[in-house]
Protein backbone atom coordinates (compact mmCIF):
# COMPACT_ATOMS: atom_id res chain seq x y z
CA MET A 1 166.42 149.12 -31.83
CA ASN A 2 165.89 148.69 -35.57
CA LYS A 3 163.16 150.84 -37.00
CA VAL A 4 159.77 149.49 -38.06
CA SER A 5 156.97 151.27 -39.88
CA PHE A 6 153.98 152.21 -37.75
CA ARG A 7 151.85 153.24 -40.73
CA ARG A 8 150.62 149.75 -41.46
CA TRP A 9 148.84 149.45 -38.13
CA SER A 10 147.99 153.03 -37.09
CA GLY A 11 144.80 152.96 -39.17
CA ARG A 12 143.40 149.81 -37.65
CA LEU A 13 144.52 150.93 -34.20
CA ALA A 14 141.84 153.60 -34.16
CA GLY A 15 139.22 150.89 -34.54
CA SER A 16 140.66 149.04 -31.57
CA LEU A 17 140.45 151.89 -29.07
CA ALA A 18 137.11 150.77 -27.69
CA THR A 19 138.60 147.38 -26.89
CA LEU A 20 141.67 149.04 -25.40
CA ALA A 21 139.51 151.18 -23.15
CA LEU A 22 137.86 148.09 -21.71
CA VAL A 23 141.16 146.29 -21.25
CA ALA A 24 142.97 149.23 -19.66
CA GLY A 25 140.08 150.45 -17.53
CA PHE A 26 139.82 153.81 -19.23
CA THR A 27 136.15 153.73 -20.20
CA ALA A 28 134.07 156.80 -19.52
CA ALA A 29 132.47 156.87 -16.09
CA PRO A 30 130.40 159.24 -13.97
CA ALA A 31 132.43 161.78 -12.03
CA SER A 32 131.63 160.02 -8.78
CA ALA A 33 133.17 156.81 -10.11
CA ALA A 34 136.27 158.42 -11.65
CA ARG A 35 139.59 156.79 -10.89
CA THR A 36 141.34 158.81 -8.19
CA GLY A 37 144.56 156.84 -7.73
CA PRO A 38 147.78 157.46 -9.65
CA VAL A 39 147.86 156.26 -13.25
CA TYR A 40 151.28 155.54 -14.71
CA ILE A 41 151.62 155.05 -18.48
CA ALA A 42 154.81 154.26 -20.37
CA LEU A 43 155.72 155.30 -23.90
CA GLY A 44 158.77 154.65 -26.00
CA ASP A 45 160.81 152.15 -27.94
CA SER A 46 162.07 148.61 -27.30
CA TYR A 47 163.70 149.65 -24.04
CA ALA A 48 160.28 150.63 -22.72
CA ALA A 49 158.74 147.50 -24.26
CA GLY A 50 161.17 145.29 -22.35
CA THR A 51 162.74 143.63 -25.40
CA GLY A 52 165.52 141.34 -24.22
CA GLY A 53 163.82 140.57 -20.91
CA GLY A 54 162.53 137.11 -21.84
CA ALA A 55 159.58 135.63 -23.71
CA TYR A 56 157.50 138.09 -25.70
CA ILE A 57 153.97 138.81 -24.53
CA ALA A 58 150.94 140.27 -26.27
CA PRO A 59 150.98 144.08 -26.16
CA PRO A 60 147.90 146.20 -25.35
CA ALA A 61 145.03 145.97 -27.81
CA GLY A 62 145.84 147.77 -31.03
CA LEU A 63 149.63 147.65 -30.86
CA PRO A 64 151.38 145.31 -33.32
CA ALA A 65 152.71 141.95 -32.15
CA GLY A 66 156.11 143.16 -33.35
CA CYS A 67 156.37 145.51 -30.37
CA LEU A 68 158.31 142.68 -28.64
CA GLN A 69 157.07 143.49 -25.16
CA THR A 70 158.03 141.31 -22.19
CA ALA A 71 156.80 140.93 -18.63
CA ALA A 72 160.25 142.06 -17.45
CA ALA A 73 159.80 145.56 -18.92
CA TYR A 74 160.55 148.27 -16.38
CA PRO A 75 157.05 149.80 -16.75
CA VAL A 76 155.59 146.42 -15.76
CA VAL A 77 157.99 146.15 -12.82
CA ARG A 78 156.99 149.66 -11.71
CA GLY A 79 153.26 148.92 -11.97
CA ALA A 80 152.28 150.78 -15.13
CA ALA A 81 148.57 150.80 -15.96
CA LEU A 82 149.51 150.72 -19.64
CA ASN A 83 152.80 150.01 -21.41
CA LEU A 84 152.82 151.46 -24.93
CA GLY A 85 156.49 150.81 -25.60
CA CYS A 86 157.19 149.25 -29.00
CA PHE A 87 160.27 147.86 -30.72
CA GLY A 88 161.56 150.27 -33.36
CA ALA A 89 159.63 153.32 -32.17
CA THR A 90 160.97 156.81 -32.82
CA THR A 91 159.89 160.16 -31.37
CA GLU A 92 157.48 160.53 -34.30
CA ASP A 93 155.96 157.13 -33.51
CA VAL A 94 155.48 158.15 -29.88
CA ILE A 95 153.57 161.21 -31.12
CA LYS A 96 151.30 158.95 -33.17
CA VAL A 97 150.69 156.59 -30.28
CA ALA A 98 149.96 159.49 -27.93
CA GLY A 99 147.28 160.71 -30.33
CA LEU A 100 145.74 157.29 -30.79
CA TYR A 101 145.63 156.57 -27.05
CA GLU A 102 144.51 160.06 -26.10
CA SER A 103 141.68 158.93 -23.83
CA GLY A 104 144.09 156.86 -21.76
CA LEU A 105 146.74 159.55 -21.53
CA ALA A 106 144.15 162.07 -20.33
CA THR A 107 143.91 160.09 -17.06
CA ALA A 108 147.66 159.78 -16.52
CA SER A 109 149.37 161.14 -13.45
CA ALA A 110 152.85 159.99 -14.53
CA ILE A 111 154.39 159.15 -17.90
CA THR A 112 157.84 157.78 -18.67
CA VAL A 113 159.35 157.91 -22.14
CA THR A 114 162.41 156.01 -23.34
CA VAL A 115 163.04 157.02 -26.93
CA GLY A 116 165.69 158.59 -29.15
CA GLY A 117 167.91 155.62 -29.95
CA ASN A 118 166.09 154.81 -33.17
CA ASP A 119 166.02 158.47 -34.19
CA VAL A 120 169.82 158.45 -34.25
CA ASP A 121 170.20 154.91 -35.66
CA THR A 122 171.83 153.44 -32.54
CA GLY A 123 170.91 149.92 -33.64
CA GLN A 124 172.71 150.29 -36.96
CA VAL A 125 175.81 151.55 -35.15
CA ALA A 126 175.80 148.58 -32.77
CA VAL A 127 175.44 146.04 -35.57
CA ALA A 128 178.03 147.61 -37.89
CA CYS A 129 180.65 148.28 -35.24
CA THR A 130 180.30 144.97 -33.43
CA ALA A 131 180.64 143.05 -36.70
CA SER A 132 183.68 144.99 -37.91
CA PRO A 133 184.94 147.71 -35.54
CA SER A 134 187.56 149.15 -37.88
CA SER A 135 185.42 149.04 -41.01
CA ALA A 136 184.21 151.93 -43.14
CA ALA A 137 180.65 150.80 -42.34
CA CYS A 138 181.25 151.34 -38.62
CA SER A 139 182.84 154.74 -39.16
CA SER A 140 180.02 155.79 -41.46
CA ALA A 141 177.33 154.63 -39.03
CA LEU A 142 178.96 156.51 -36.15
CA TYR A 143 179.31 159.69 -38.19
CA ASN A 144 175.70 159.54 -39.38
CA SER A 145 174.46 158.98 -35.84
CA ARG A 146 176.59 161.55 -34.02
CA GLU A 147 177.06 164.29 -36.58
CA VAL A 148 173.80 164.17 -38.54
CA LYS A 149 170.94 162.50 -36.69
CA MET A 150 171.92 163.69 -33.19
CA ARG A 151 171.69 167.33 -34.24
CA GLU A 152 168.06 166.77 -35.24
CA LEU A 153 167.03 165.05 -32.01
CA PRO A 154 166.34 168.06 -29.71
CA ALA A 155 163.70 169.44 -32.08
CA LYS A 156 162.09 166.02 -32.37
CA ILE A 157 161.96 165.60 -28.59
CA LYS A 158 160.49 169.09 -28.23
CA ALA A 159 157.63 168.22 -30.59
CA MET A 160 157.05 164.90 -28.84
CA VAL A 161 156.98 166.40 -25.35
CA LYS A 162 154.54 169.10 -26.46
CA THR A 163 152.17 166.45 -27.79
CA ILE A 164 152.37 164.42 -24.59
CA LYS A 165 151.74 167.51 -22.47
CA ASP A 166 148.71 168.35 -24.59
CA LYS A 167 147.31 164.81 -24.28
CA ALA A 168 148.22 164.34 -20.59
CA PRO A 169 147.92 167.78 -18.97
CA ASN A 170 148.03 166.46 -15.40
CA ALA A 171 150.91 164.02 -15.77
CA ARG A 172 154.46 164.24 -14.51
CA ILE A 173 156.61 163.44 -17.56
CA VAL A 174 159.99 161.75 -17.20
CA LEU A 175 162.42 160.97 -20.02
CA THR A 176 165.00 158.25 -19.42
CA GLY A 177 168.44 157.68 -20.80
CA TYR A 178 170.09 154.53 -22.14
CA PRO A 179 172.85 152.34 -20.67
CA ARG A 180 176.33 152.06 -22.07
CA LEU A 181 176.28 148.75 -23.91
CA PHE A 182 179.80 147.66 -23.02
CA THR A 183 182.09 147.32 -20.05
CA VAL A 184 185.61 147.51 -21.43
CA SER A 185 187.49 144.59 -19.90
CA ALA A 186 190.17 142.02 -20.54
CA GLY A 187 187.52 139.80 -22.09
CA LEU A 188 187.43 142.01 -25.19
CA THR A 189 190.04 142.03 -27.92
CA ALA A 190 191.86 145.28 -28.61
CA GLU A 191 189.67 145.91 -31.66
CA GLN A 192 186.49 145.13 -29.73
CA ALA A 193 187.57 147.40 -26.89
CA LEU A 194 188.12 150.26 -29.34
CA ALA A 195 184.65 149.77 -30.80
CA ALA A 196 183.14 149.48 -27.32
CA LYS A 197 184.65 152.81 -26.29
CA SER A 198 183.28 154.47 -29.43
CA MET A 199 179.78 153.08 -28.84
CA ASN A 200 179.83 154.00 -25.16
CA SER A 201 180.87 157.52 -26.12
CA ALA A 202 177.95 157.65 -28.57
CA ALA A 203 175.60 156.51 -25.79
CA ASP A 204 176.91 159.29 -23.54
CA LEU A 205 176.24 161.85 -26.26
CA LEU A 206 172.72 160.50 -26.77
CA ASN A 207 172.03 160.68 -23.04
CA ASP A 208 173.41 164.22 -22.82
CA THR A 209 171.14 165.24 -25.68
CA ILE A 210 168.06 163.69 -24.05
CA ALA A 211 168.93 165.24 -20.66
CA TYR A 212 169.40 168.66 -22.26
CA SER A 213 166.10 168.32 -24.10
CA ALA A 214 164.32 167.33 -20.88
CA ARG A 215 165.57 170.46 -19.12
CA ALA A 216 164.76 172.68 -22.09
CA ASN A 217 161.19 171.36 -22.21
CA ARG A 218 160.67 171.37 -18.43
CA VAL A 219 160.22 167.65 -17.89
CA GLY A 220 162.15 165.19 -15.76
CA TYR A 221 165.12 163.08 -16.73
CA VAL A 222 166.45 159.88 -15.15
CA SER A 223 169.89 158.52 -16.03
CA VAL A 224 170.57 154.77 -15.93
CA THR A 225 174.28 155.04 -16.71
CA GLU A 226 175.44 154.54 -13.13
CA ARG A 227 173.01 151.70 -12.48
CA PHE A 228 174.45 149.77 -15.46
CA ALA A 229 178.08 150.56 -14.67
CA ARG A 230 180.14 147.35 -14.62
CA HIS A 231 177.18 145.44 -16.07
CA GLY A 232 177.70 145.95 -19.79
CA ILE A 233 178.69 143.38 -22.40
CA GLY A 234 182.16 142.14 -21.48
CA SER A 235 181.62 142.43 -17.72
CA ALA A 236 181.56 139.61 -15.18
CA ASP A 237 177.85 140.25 -14.54
CA PRO A 238 176.31 141.56 -17.79
CA TRP A 239 172.81 143.04 -17.87
CA ILE A 240 172.82 143.54 -21.65
CA VAL A 241 171.94 140.79 -24.14
CA ALA A 242 174.97 140.20 -26.36
CA PRO A 243 175.23 138.78 -29.86
CA ALA A 244 176.81 135.37 -30.47
CA GLY A 245 180.50 135.36 -29.68
CA LEU A 246 180.22 138.00 -26.96
CA CYS A 247 177.52 136.51 -24.73
CA LYS A 248 177.63 134.14 -21.77
CA ASP A 249 175.44 131.04 -21.88
CA ALA A 250 172.44 131.19 -19.54
CA VAL A 251 173.30 134.80 -18.71
CA ASN A 252 172.94 137.15 -21.68
CA CYS A 253 172.58 135.00 -24.79
CA SER A 254 169.34 134.90 -26.80
CA PRO A 255 170.01 132.87 -29.97
CA SER A 256 166.33 132.20 -30.70
CA ARG A 257 165.46 135.91 -30.47
CA PRO A 258 168.14 137.86 -32.35
CA ALA A 259 166.23 141.13 -31.90
CA ASP A 260 167.05 140.92 -28.18
CA ALA A 261 170.71 141.77 -28.78
CA PHE A 262 171.86 145.09 -27.30
CA HIS A 263 168.84 145.31 -24.98
CA PRO A 264 168.76 144.85 -21.19
CA THR A 265 168.16 141.44 -19.69
CA ALA A 266 165.42 140.97 -17.09
CA ALA A 267 168.02 141.82 -14.44
CA GLY A 268 168.88 144.99 -16.34
CA TYR A 269 165.29 146.15 -16.40
CA ALA A 270 164.71 145.36 -12.72
CA LYS A 271 168.06 146.40 -11.23
CA GLY A 272 168.87 149.08 -13.78
CA TYR A 273 165.82 150.93 -15.03
CA ALA A 274 163.30 150.13 -12.30
CA LYS A 275 165.79 150.94 -9.53
CA ALA A 276 166.86 154.18 -11.24
CA LEU A 277 163.21 155.24 -11.40
CA LYS A 278 162.58 154.35 -7.76
CA ALA A 279 162.95 157.98 -6.67
CA VAL A 280 160.22 159.03 -9.11
CA ARG A 281 156.65 158.57 -7.85
CA LEU A 282 154.96 156.71 -10.69
CA SER A 283 152.12 154.63 -9.27
């Protein structure tokens, strides 16, 4: 979930909207020919993009190749008309994308958003604490995430939700949570288990913050915590891509795509996110 700058492509994205409209089927049409079926659009970060789910695919016209989308992404599994999830995206980036894809969002009947992890530097916490659980770097990353960045997140989500509501006035909006990355088991050393508990606790706090923000802004919230229970790194059946040394060959290793680490596998997206969203009418 490392951050990337969206500024370098947001300018040229505006010039690609005509192409996007043709690709996504959102071109203007007479009222009699207007699309009447449900239109589900996904927004968010790498968890919406499907990073970790397999080979990367080209994202919708205008989005950077670095979005790291995959065909296993839960929006794809759930039949999204458009997946605008992008690796590294923050709440501010979602606001930018919503403005740039305004014509598409205006047709939406349902929108899911998975975002917030990059706002609170979850990726930096995972890297620092997995590498050296008892280090000052891990402690500093956790403090910065929980005590500084997390306090700023509700206001950021409020601004993001307002923008989405303005751009998609007829859409049902659903925010999602994140899975706990680890299943504490005998397969972890004592030091790793301690770090895993700290990171799982941080994930719980992030999810609580997103859930609170969803209620405060009158939108839906779907938790994936239970779906991923007993399927974290360290479990017998992991649905999270693990870094070298913690992964299982042919199960949750991705040595050629290091950015996949700490993201769901294809099974995680299908059995975790897509199943959790089954109760929500999306498309």
